[in-house]
Every structure is written in structure tokens, then in C-alpha cells.
């Protein structure tokens, strides 16, 4: 599984920068993405996909332990749509659990 440290290491290796500099760039990119999504704007990343904030309406749910009906409040969630490039890249990858 990739994590921030492994992604930062790859960025540093591919751009001939230090890990500290790559980490600052990574953090800046993630922060910018958070700000865009929090402002209600979508993010389109070529070769990767599209992130879109979507309003989910309030709805009734059920507590599985008691069977009681509960109100689930409305909220904004992030929807991701993978690009065709990303879909093709992972099409033949075997997933292990």
C-alpha cells in the first residue's frame, strides 16, 4: 500500500529534489485540493480523474442493532470518477485482500 512517505519518495526521486521539498509540494497540492472542494468546485486531473463535491440529501436510515429508524442528515460528500487512462492502467491488476 502506498502512503504519503512512499509517494513523497517517488516525487523526490523523479524530480531530483529533496524529500523535504517533495513533502512540501505534496502538502501544498493536497491543501489546494481541499480548498477547492470545500468551496464547492470540482477538480479535474488529467490522466487520473475528477473529484466533485456532491450534496447528499437527508434520508431515513435504520440502526442495524435495534432496528430503530434514524434520521441521517444531509451532507456534502466527494464523488470520484476515474479517467479512462486510470481505468486502463488498473484493468489487468489483480487485487489481493
PDB file of N, CA and C in Angstrom:
ATOM      1  N   UNK A   1       0.843  -1.173   0.000  1.00  0.00           N
ATOM      2  CA  UNK A   1       0.000   0.000   0.000  1.00  0.00           C
ATOM      3  C   UNK A   1       0.893   1.242   0.000  1.00  0.00           C
ATOM      4  N   UNK A   2       0.567   2.168  -0.855  1.00  0.00           N
ATOM      5  CA  UNK A   2       1.305   3.423  -0.899  1.00  0.00           C
ATOM      6  C   UNK A   2       0.797   4.327   0.216  1.00  0.00           C
ATOM      7  N   UNK A   3       1.698   5.070   0.813  1.00  0.00           N
ATOM      8  CA  UNK A   3       1.331   6.066   1.802  1.00  0.00           C
ATOM      9  C   UNK A   3       2.067   7.362   1.459  1.00  0.00           C
ATOM     10  N   UNK A   4       1.883   8.379   2.272  1.00  0.00           N
ATOM     11  CA  UNK A   4       2.490   9.670   1.961  1.00  0.00           C
ATOM     12  C   UNK A   4       4.007   9.542   1.801  1.00  0.00           C
ATOM     13  N   UNK A   5       4.648   8.816   2.698  1.00  0.00           N
ATOM     14  CA  UNK A   5       6.111   8.703   2.649  1.00  0.00           C
ATOM     15  C   UNK A   5       6.578   8.073   1.344  1.00  0.00           C
ATOM     16  N   UNK A   6       5.890   7.028   0.879  1.00  0.00           N
ATOM     17  CA  UNK A   6       6.327   6.386  -0.358  1.00  0.00           C
ATOM     18  C   UNK A   6       6.054   7.267  -1.570  1.00  0.00           C
ATOM     19  N   UNK A   7       4.943   8.004  -1.550  1.00  0.00           N
ATOM     20  CA  UNK A   7       4.644   8.917  -2.661  1.00  0.00           C
ATOM     21  C   UNK A   7       5.661  10.055  -2.683  1.00  0.00           C
ATOM     22  N   UNK A   8       5.963  10.613  -1.525  1.00  0.00           N
ATOM     23  CA  UNK A   8       6.955  11.700  -1.438  1.00  0.00           C
ATOM     24  C   UNK A   8       8.309  11.207  -1.917  1.00  0.00           C
ATOM     25  N   UNK A   9       8.688   9.980  -1.562  1.00  0.00           N
ATOM     26  CA  UNK A   9       9.966   9.417  -2.013  1.00  0.00           C
ATOM     27  C   UNK A   9      10.006   9.329  -3.538  1.00  0.00           C
ATOM     28  N   UNK A  10       8.925   8.888  -4.147  1.00  0.00           N
ATOM     29  CA  UNK A  10       8.881   8.787  -5.609  1.00  0.00           C
ATOM     30  C   UNK A  10       8.945  10.163  -6.254  1.00  0.00           C
ATOM     31  N   UNK A  11       8.241  11.143  -5.680  1.00  0.00           N
ATOM     32  CA  UNK A  11       8.299  12.506  -6.207  1.00  0.00           C
ATOM     33  C   UNK A  11       9.723  13.025  -6.131  1.00  0.00           C
ATOM     34  N   UNK A  12      10.370  12.836  -4.996  1.00  0.00           N
ATOM     35  CA  UNK A  12      11.746  13.306  -4.819  1.00  0.00           C
ATOM     36  C   UNK A  12      12.678  12.643  -5.833  1.00  0.00           C
ATOM     37  N   UNK A  13      12.541  11.353  -6.025  1.00  0.00           N
ATOM     38  CA  UNK A  13      13.400  10.632  -6.981  1.00  0.00           C
ATOM     39  C   UNK A  13      13.156  11.076  -8.417  1.00  0.00           C
ATOM     40  N   UNK A  14      11.886  11.282  -8.778  1.00  0.00           N
ATOM     41  CA  UNK A  14      11.544  11.641 -10.155  1.00  0.00           C
ATOM     42  C   UNK A  14      11.841  13.091 -10.501  1.00  0.00           C
ATOM     43  N   UNK A  15      11.985  13.947  -9.495  1.00  0.00           N
ATOM     44  CA  UNK A  15      12.213  15.372  -9.759  1.00  0.00           C
ATOM     45  C   UNK A  15      13.577  15.857  -9.283  1.00  0.00           C
ATOM     46  N   UNK A  16      14.385  14.946  -8.789  1.00  0.00           N
ATOM     47  CA  UNK A  16      15.730  15.294  -8.286  1.00  0.00           C
ATOM     48  C   UNK A  16      15.681  16.397  -7.231  1.00  0.00           C
ATOM     49  N   UNK A  17      14.695  16.307  -6.339  1.00  0.00           N
ATOM     50  CA  UNK A  17      14.608  17.244  -5.218  1.00  0.00           C
ATOM     51  C   UNK A  17      14.735  16.455  -3.933  1.00  0.00           C
ATOM     52  N   UNK A  18      14.851  17.190  -2.831  1.00  0.00           N
ATOM     53  CA  UNK A  18      14.944  16.532  -1.531  1.00  0.00           C
ATOM     54  C   UNK A  18      13.578  16.010  -1.112  1.00  0.00           C
ATOM     55  N   UNK A  19      13.577  15.080  -0.183  1.00  0.00           N
ATOM     56  CA  UNK A  19      12.316  14.567   0.342  1.00  0.00           C
ATOM     57  C   UNK A  19      11.550  15.672   1.070  1.00  0.00           C
ATOM     58  N   UNK A  20      12.262  16.566   1.741  1.00  0.00           N
ATOM     59  CA  UNK A  20      11.600  17.667   2.449  1.00  0.00           C
ATOM     60  C   UNK A  20      10.878  18.583   1.465  1.00  0.00           C
ATOM     61  N   UNK A  21      11.532  18.889   0.348  1.00  0.00           N
ATOM     62  CA  UNK A  21      10.912  19.738  -0.671  1.00  0.00           C
ATOM     63  C   UNK A  21       9.721  19.025  -1.317  1.00  0.00           C
ATOM     64  N   UNK A  22       9.885  17.751  -1.622  1.00  0.00           N
ATOM     65  CA  UNK A  22       8.793  16.975  -2.210  1.00  0.00           C
ATOM     66  C   UNK A  22       7.612  16.897  -1.241  1.00  0.00           C
ATOM     67  N   UNK A  23       7.884  16.765   0.036  1.00  0.00           N
ATOM     68  CA  UNK A  23       6.822  16.719   1.041  1.00  0.00           C
ATOM     69  C   UNK A  23       6.070  18.048   1.108  1.00  0.00           C
ATOM     70  N   UNK A  24       6.782  19.157   1.000  1.00  0.00           N
ATOM     71  CA  UNK A  24       6.125  20.479   0.993  1.00  0.00           C
ATOM     72  C   UNK A  24       5.231  20.618  -0.235  1.00  0.00           C
ATOM     73  N   UNK A  25       5.693  20.156  -1.391  1.00  0.00           N
ATOM     74  CA  UNK A  25       4.880  20.206  -2.612  1.00  0.00           C
ATOM     75  C   UNK A  25       3.643  19.330  -2.469  1.00  0.00           C
ATOM     76  N   UNK A  26       3.828  18.131  -1.947  1.00  0.00           N
ATOM     77  CA  UNK A  26       2.706  17.215  -1.742  1.00  0.00           C
ATOM     78  C   UNK A  26       1.651  17.865  -0.837  1.00  0.00           C
ATOM     79  N   UNK A  27       2.099  18.419   0.297  1.00  0.00           N
ATOM     80  CA  UNK A  27       1.173  19.070   1.229  1.00  0.00           C
ATOM     81  C   UNK A  27       0.464  20.250   0.584  1.00  0.00           C
ATOM     82  N   UNK A  28       1.182  21.028  -0.217  1.00  0.00           N
ATOM     83  CA  UNK A  28       0.586  22.190  -0.881  1.00  0.00           C
ATOM     84  C   UNK A  28      -0.486  21.754  -1.884  1.00  0.00           C
ATOM     85  N   UNK A  29      -0.227  20.683  -2.600  1.00  0.00           N
ATOM     86  CA  UNK A  29      -1.203  20.174  -3.573  1.00  0.00           C
ATOM     87  C   UNK A  29      -2.452  19.666  -2.861  1.00  0.00           C
ATOM     88  N   UNK A  30      -2.272  18.890  -1.807  1.00  0.00           N
ATOM     89  CA  UNK A  30      -3.421  18.364  -1.058  1.00  0.00           C
ATOM     90  C   UNK A  30      -4.223  19.508  -0.440  1.00  0.00           C
ATOM     91  N   UNK A  31      -3.538  20.498   0.131  1.00  0.00           N
ATOM     92  CA  UNK A  31      -4.233  21.653   0.715  1.00  0.00           C
ATOM     93  C   UNK A  31      -5.047  22.405  -0.341  1.00  0.00           C
ATOM     94  N   UNK A  32      -4.470  22.588  -1.516  1.00  0.00           N
ATOM     95  CA  UNK A  32      -5.177  23.280  -2.599  1.00  0.00           C
ATOM     96  C   UNK A  32      -6.412  22.486  -3.018  1.00  0.00           C
ATOM     97  N   UNK A  33      -6.294  21.176  -3.073  1.00  0.00           N
ATOM     98  CA  UNK A  33      -7.433  20.338  -3.439  1.00  0.00           C
ATOM     99  C   UNK A  33      -8.537  20.439  -2.377  1.00  0.00           C
ATOM    100  N   UNK A  34      -8.167  20.420  -1.105  1.00  0.00           N
ATOM    101  CA  UNK A  34      -9.147  20.573  -0.021  1.00  0.00           C
ATOM    102  C   UNK A  34      -9.885  21.897  -0.158  1.00  0.00           C
ATOM    103  N   UNK A  35      -9.141  22.971  -0.415  1.00  0.00           N
ATOM    104  CA  UNK A  35      -9.753  24.297  -0.535  1.00  0.00           C
ATOM    105  C   UNK A  35     -10.732  24.348  -1.704  1.00  0.00           C
ATOM    106  N   UNK A  36     -10.359  23.782  -2.828  1.00  0.00           N
ATOM    107  CA  UNK A  36     -11.241  23.780  -3.996  1.00  0.00           C
ATOM    108  C   UNK A  36     -12.529  23.011  -3.701  1.00  0.00           C
ATOM    109  N   UNK A  37     -12.395  21.820  -3.143  1.00  0.00           N
ATOM    110  CA  UNK A  37     -13.572  21.005  -2.851  1.00  0.00           C
ATOM    111  C   UNK A  37     -14.442  21.655  -1.774  1.00  0.00           C
ATOM    112  N   UNK A  38     -13.828  22.240  -0.753  1.00  0.00           N
ATOM    113  CA  UNK A  38     -14.584  22.903   0.304  1.00  0.00           C
ATOM    114  C   UNK A  38     -15.327  24.124  -0.222  1.00  0.00           C
ATOM    115  N   UNK A  39     -14.845  24.709  -1.308  1.00  0.00           N
ATOM    116  CA  UNK A  39     -15.508  25.857  -1.935  1.00  0.00           C
ATOM    117  C   UNK A  39     -16.582  25.423  -2.932  1.00  0.00           C
ATOM    118  N   UNK A  40     -16.792  24.116  -3.065  1.00  0.00           N
ATOM    119  CA  UNK A  40     -17.826  23.617  -3.952  1.00  0.00           C
ATOM    120  C   UNK A  40     -17.398  23.461  -5.397  1.00  0.00           C
ATOM    121  N   UNK A  41     -16.103  23.574  -5.664  1.00  0.00           N
ATOM    122  CA  UNK A  41     -15.609  23.442  -7.040  1.00  0.00           C
ATOM    123  C   UNK A  41     -15.048  22.036  -7.272  1.00  0.00           C
ATOM    124  N   UNK A  42     -15.221  21.553  -8.499  1.00  0.00           N
ATOM    125  CA  UNK A  42     -14.686  20.238  -8.829  1.00  0.00           C
ATOM    126  C   UNK A  42     -13.226  20.355  -9.239  1.00  0.00           C
ATOM    127  N   UNK A  43     -12.532  19.229  -9.162  1.00  0.00           N
ATOM    128  CA  UNK A  43     -11.127  19.162  -9.547  1.00  0.00           C
ATOM    129  C   UNK A  43     -11.008  18.116 -10.646  1.00  0.00           C
ATOM    130  N   UNK A  44     -10.450  18.510 -11.772  1.00  0.00           N
ATOM    131  CA  UNK A  44     -10.230  17.585 -12.875  1.00  0.00           C
ATOM    132  C   UNK A  44      -8.728  17.414 -13.062  1.00  0.00           C
ATOM    133  N   UNK A  45      -8.253  16.185 -12.876  1.00  0.00           N
ATOM    134  CA  UNK A  45      -6.833  15.881 -13.002  1.00  0.00           C
ATOM    135  C   UNK A  45      -6.630  14.970 -14.208  1.00  0.00           C
ATOM    136  N   UNK A  46      -6.066  15.509 -15.292  1.00  0.00           N
ATOM    137  CA  UNK A  46      -5.853  14.702 -16.491  1.00  0.00           C
ATOM    138  C   UNK A  46      -5.091  13.416 -16.167  1.00  0.00           C
ATOM    139  N   UNK A  47      -5.479  12.335 -16.802  1.00  0.00           N
ATOM    140  CA  UNK A  47      -4.905  11.004 -16.644  1.00  0.00           C
ATOM    141  C   UNK A  47      -5.280  10.343 -15.318  1.00  0.00           C
ATOM    142  N   UNK A  48      -5.941  11.068 -14.392  1.00  0.00           N
ATOM    143  CA  UNK A  48      -6.289  10.498 -13.098  1.00  0.00           C
ATOM    144  C   UNK A  48      -7.803  10.403 -12.917  1.00  0.00           C
ATOM    145  N   UNK A  49      -8.477  11.552 -12.944  1.00  0.00           N
ATOM    146  CA  UNK A  49      -9.925  11.528 -12.776  1.00  0.00           C
ATOM    147  C   UNK A  49     -10.468  12.860 -12.328  1.00  0.00           C
ATOM    148  N   UNK A  50     -11.724  12.827 -11.893  1.00  0.00           N
ATOM    149  CA  UNK A  50     -12.407  14.045 -11.488  1.00  0.00           C
ATOM    150  C   UNK A  50     -12.986  13.860 -10.087  1.00  0.00           C
ATOM    151  N   UNK A  51     -12.744  14.842  -9.227  1.00  0.00           N
ATOM    152  CA  UNK A  51     -13.305  14.881  -7.882  1.00  0.00           C
ATOM    153  C   UNK A  51     -14.366  15.975  -7.861  1.00  0.00           C
ATOM    154  N   UNK A  52     -15.574  15.628  -7.420  1.00  0.00           N
ATOM    155  CA  UNK A  52     -16.681  16.563  -7.443  1.00  0.00           C
ATOM    156  C   UNK A  52     -17.398  16.549  -6.102  1.00  0.00           C
ATOM    157  N   UNK A  53     -17.577  17.734  -5.464  1.00  0.00           N
ATOM    158  CA  UNK A  53     -18.391  17.759  -4.244  1.00  0.00           C
ATOM    159  C   UNK A  53     -19.869  17.622  -4.621  1.00  0.00           C
ATOM    160  N   UNK A  54     -20.581  16.749  -3.931  1.00  0.00           N
ATOM    161  CA  UNK A  54     -21.979  16.465  -4.228  1.00  0.00           C
ATOM    162  C   UNK A  54     -22.780  16.540  -2.937  1.00  0.00           C
ATOM    163  N   UNK A  55     -23.923  17.224  -2.999  1.00  0.00           N
ATOM    164  CA  UNK A  55     -24.797  17.318  -1.837  1.00  0.00           C
ATOM    165  C   UNK A  55     -25.629  16.047  -1.734  1.00  0.00           C
ATOM    166  N   UNK A  56     -25.540  15.366  -0.617  1.00  0.00           N
ATOM    167  CA  UNK A  56     -26.358  14.177  -0.362  1.00  0.00           C
ATOM    168  C   UNK A  56     -27.531  14.610   0.510  1.00  0.00           C
ATOM    169  N   UNK A  57     -28.740  14.317   0.081  1.00  0.00           N
ATOM    170  CA  UNK A  57     -29.952  14.722   0.793  1.00  0.00           C
ATOM    171  C   UNK A  57     -30.102  13.955   2.106  1.00  0.00           C
ATOM    172  N   UNK A  58     -30.859  14.554   3.042  1.00  0.00           N
ATOM    173  CA  UNK A  58     -31.199  13.871   4.285  1.00  0.00           C
ATOM    174  C   UNK A  58     -32.069  12.665   3.941  1.00  0.00           C
ATOM    175  N   UNK A  59     -31.940  11.621   4.732  1.00  0.00           N
ATOM    176  CA  UNK A  59     -32.734  10.430   4.457  1.00  0.00           C
ATOM    177  C   UNK A  59     -32.945   9.647   5.754  1.00  0.00           C
ATOM    178  N   UNK A  60     -33.886   8.729   5.699  1.00  0.00           N
ATOM    179  CA  UNK A  60     -34.147   7.865   6.839  1.00  0.00           C
ATOM    180  C   UNK A  60     -33.272   6.628   6.715  1.00  0.00           C
ATOM    181  N   UNK A  61     -32.701   6.209   7.829  1.00  0.00           N
ATOM    182  CA  UNK A  61     -31.886   5.004   7.869  1.00  0.00           C
ATOM    183  C   UNK A  61     -32.382   4.094   8.963  1.00  0.00           C
ATOM    184  N   UNK A  62     -31.671   2.991   9.163  1.00  0.00           N
ATOM    185  CA  UNK A  62     -32.082   2.044  10.190  1.00  0.00           C
ATOM    186  C   UNK A  62     -30.871   1.631  10.997  1.00  0.00           C
ATOM    187  N   UNK A  63     -31.012   1.665  12.321  1.00  0.00           N
ATOM    188  CA  UNK A  63     -29.962   1.193  13.205  1.00  0.00           C
ATOM    189  C   UNK A  63     -29.974  -0.330  13.133  1.00  0.00           C
ATOM    190  N   UNK A  64     -28.900  -0.959  12.633  1.00  0.00           N
ATOM    191  CA  UNK A  64     -28.918  -2.412  12.459  1.00  0.00           C
ATOM    192  C   UNK A  64     -28.979  -3.180  13.781  1.00  0.00           C
ATOM    193  N   UNK A  65     -28.527  -2.569  14.864  1.00  0.00           N
ATOM    194  CA  UNK A  65     -28.539  -3.264  16.149  1.00  0.00           C
ATOM    195  C   UNK A  65     -29.932  -3.308  16.763  1.00  0.00           C
ATOM    196  N   UNK A  66     -30.690  -2.201  16.622  1.00  0.00           N
ATOM    197  CA  UNK A  66     -32.000  -2.118  17.273  1.00  0.00           C
ATOM    198  C   UNK A  66     -33.167  -2.159  16.302  1.00  0.00           C
ATOM    199  N   UNK A  67     -32.916  -1.875  15.036  1.00  0.00           N
ATOM    200  CA  UNK A  67     -33.989  -1.817  14.058  1.00  0.00           C
ATOM    201  C   UNK A  67     -34.713  -0.488  14.049  1.00  0.00           C
ATOM    202  N   UNK A  68     -34.332   0.436  14.944  1.00  0.00           N
ATOM    203  CA  UNK A  68     -34.972   1.749  15.014  1.00  0.00           C
ATOM    204  C   UNK A  68     -34.653   2.572  13.777  1.00  0.00           C
ATOM    205  N   UNK A  69     -35.613   3.391  13.359  1.00  0.00           N
ATOM    206  CA  UNK A  69     -35.400   4.317  12.249  1.00  0.00           C
ATOM    207  C   UNK A  69     -34.676   5.551  12.785  1.00  0.00           C
ATOM    208  N   UNK A  70     -33.661   5.975  12.061  1.00  0.00           N
ATOM    209  CA  UNK A  70     -32.901   7.168  12.448  1.00  0.00           C
ATOM    210  C   UNK A  70     -32.836   8.118  11.258  1.00  0.00           C
ATOM    211  N   UNK A  71     -32.764   9.404  11.542  1.00  0.00           N
ATOM    212  CA  UNK A  71     -32.643  10.421  10.504  1.00  0.00           C
ATOM    213  C   UNK A  71     -31.165  10.628  10.205  1.00  0.00           C
ATOM    214  N   UNK A  72     -30.776  10.450   8.955  1.00  0.00           N
ATOM    215  CA  UNK A  72     -29.399  10.697   8.522  1.00  0.00           C
ATOM    216  C   UNK A  72     -29.397  12.083   7.896  1.00  0.00           C
ATOM    217  N   UNK A  73     -28.638  13.025   8.464  1.00  0.00           N
ATOM    218  CA  UNK A  73     -28.682  14.401   7.970  1.00  0.00           C
ATOM    219  C   UNK A  73     -28.049  14.560   6.589  1.00  0.00           C
ATOM    220  N   UNK A  74     -28.440  15.630   5.906  1.00  0.00           N
ATOM    221  CA  UNK A  74     -27.833  15.971   4.615  1.00  0.00           C
ATOM    222  C   UNK A  74     -26.370  16.319   4.836  1.00  0.00           C
ATOM    223  N   UNK A  75     -25.553  16.021   3.841  1.00  0.00           N
ATOM    224  CA  UNK A  75     -24.137  16.391   3.938  1.00  0.00           C
ATOM    225  C   UNK A  75     -23.529  16.421   2.550  1.00  0.00           C
ATOM    226  N   UNK A  76     -22.379  17.042   2.464  1.00  0.00           N
ATOM    227  CA  UNK A  76     -21.640  17.089   1.211  1.00  0.00           C
ATOM    228  C   UNK A  76     -20.589  15.999   1.238  1.00  0.00           C
ATOM    229  N   UNK A  77     -20.519  15.233   0.164  1.00  0.00           N
ATOM    230  CA  UNK A  77     -19.524  14.173   0.028  1.00  0.00           C
ATOM    231  C   UNK A  77     -18.736  14.417  -1.257  1.00  0.00           C
ATOM    232  N   UNK A  78     -17.627  13.733  -1.408  1.00  0.00           N
ATOM    233  CA  UNK A  78     -16.808  13.863  -2.612  1.00  0.00           C
ATOM    234  C   UNK A  78     -17.004  12.630  -3.478  1.00  0.00           C
ATOM    235  N   UNK A  79     -17.364  12.863  -4.725  1.00  0.00           N
ATOM    236  CA  UNK A  79     -17.550  11.794  -5.707  1.00  0.00           C
ATOM    237  C   UNK A  79     -16.312  11.763  -6.599  1.00  0.00           C
ATOM    238  N   UNK A  80     -15.809  10.561  -6.893  1.00  0.00           N
ATOM    239  CA  UNK A  80     -14.639  10.410  -7.750  1.00  0.00           C
ATOM    240  C   UNK A  80     -15.022   9.631  -8.998  1.00  0.00           C
ATOM    241  N   UNK A  81     -14.619  10.141 -10.144  1.00  0.00           N
ATOM    242  CA  UNK A  81     -14.811   9.427 -11.404  1.00  0.00           C
ATOM    243  C   UNK A  81     -13.440   9.239 -12.032  1.00  0.00           C
ATOM    244  N   UNK A  82     -13.019   7.995 -12.176  1.00  0.00           N
ATOM    245  CA  UNK A  82     -11.712   7.683 -12.730  1.00  0.00           C
ATOM    246  C   UNK A  82     -11.677   7.996 -14.222  1.00  0.00           C
ATOM    247  N   UNK A  83     -10.514   8.472 -14.686  1.00  0.00           N
ATOM    248  CA  UNK A  83     -10.338   8.745 -16.115  1.00  0.00           C
ATOM    249  C   UNK A  83     -10.175   7.421 -16.865  1.00  0.00           C
ATOM    250  N   UNK A  84     -10.350   7.475 -18.166  1.00  0.00           N
ATOM    251  CA  UNK A  84     -10.167   6.269 -18.976  1.00  0.00           C
ATOM    252  C   UNK A  84      -8.714   5.792 -18.909  1.00  0.00           C
ATOM    253  N   UNK A  85      -7.777   6.720 -18.766  1.00  0.00           N
ATOM    254  CA  UNK A  85      -6.362   6.358 -18.648  1.00  0.00           C
ATOM    255  C   UNK A  85      -6.119   5.559 -17.374  1.00  0.00           C
ATOM    256  N   UNK A  86      -6.690   6.014 -16.265  1.00  0.00           N
ATOM    257  CA  UNK A  86      -6.541   5.305 -14.992  1.00  0.00           C
ATOM    258  C   UNK A  86      -7.229   3.947 -15.049  1.00  0.00           C
ATOM    259  N   UNK A  87      -8.430   3.911 -15.621  1.00  0.00           N
ATOM    260  CA  UNK A  87      -9.149   2.638 -15.740  1.00  0.00           C
ATOM    261  C   UNK A  87      -8.337   1.625 -16.537  1.00  0.00           C
ATOM    262  N   UNK A  88      -7.736   2.064 -17.627  1.00  0.00           N
ATOM    263  CA  UNK A  88      -6.931   1.164 -18.454  1.00  0.00           C
ATOM    264  C   UNK A  88      -5.683   0.693 -17.716  1.00  0.00           C
ATOM    265  N   UNK A  89      -5.102   1.578 -16.914  1.00  0.00           N
ATOM    266  CA  UNK A  89      -3.872   1.232 -16.199  1.00  0.00           C
ATOM    267  C   UNK A  89      -4.099   0.153 -15.143  1.00  0.00           C
ATOM    268  N   UNK A  90      -5.276   0.123 -14.549  1.00  0.00           N
ATOM    269  CA  UNK A  90      -5.546  -0.850 -13.486  1.00  0.00           C
ATOM    270  C   UNK A  90      -6.424  -2.013 -13.946  1.00  0.00           C
ATOM    271  N   UNK A  91      -6.793  -2.051 -15.202  1.00  0.00           N
ATOM    272  CA  UNK A  91      -7.714  -3.054 -15.712  1.00  0.00           C
ATOM    273  C   UNK A  91      -7.224  -4.485 -15.503  1.00  0.00           C
ATOM    274  N   UNK A  92      -5.958  -4.731 -15.633  1.00  0.00           N
ATOM    275  CA  UNK A  92      -5.427  -6.087 -15.530  1.00  0.00           C
ATOM    276  C   UNK A  92      -4.697  -6.355 -14.219  1.00  0.00           C
ATOM    277  N   UNK A  93      -4.876  -5.461 -13.255  1.00  0.00           N
ATOM    278  CA  UNK A  93      -4.194  -5.619 -11.964  1.00  0.00           C
ATOM    279  C   UNK A  93      -5.030  -6.542 -11.072  1.00  0.00           C
ATOM    280  N   UNK A  94      -4.403  -7.573 -10.531  1.00  0.00           N
ATOM    281  CA  UNK A  94      -5.094  -8.478  -9.620  1.00  0.00           C
ATOM    282  C   UNK A  94      -5.123  -7.835  -8.232  1.00  0.00           C
ATOM    283  N   UNK A  95      -6.306  -7.793  -7.635  1.00  0.00           N
ATOM    284  CA  UNK A  95      -6.469  -7.191  -6.313  1.00  0.00           C
ATOM    285  C   UNK A  95      -6.361  -8.287  -5.272  1.00  0.00           C
ATOM    286  N   UNK A  96      -5.509  -8.048  -4.267  1.00  0.00           N
ATOM    287  CA  UNK A  96      -5.368  -9.007  -3.180  1.00  0.00           C
ATOM    288  C   UNK A  96      -5.964  -8.406  -1.917  1.00  0.00           C
ATOM    289  N   UNK A  97      -6.611  -9.248  -1.145  1.00  0.00           N
ATOM    290  CA  UNK A  97      -7.263  -8.773   0.080  1.00  0.00           C
ATOM    291  C   UNK A  97      -6.368  -8.907   1.266  1.00  0.00           C
TER     292      UNK A  97
END
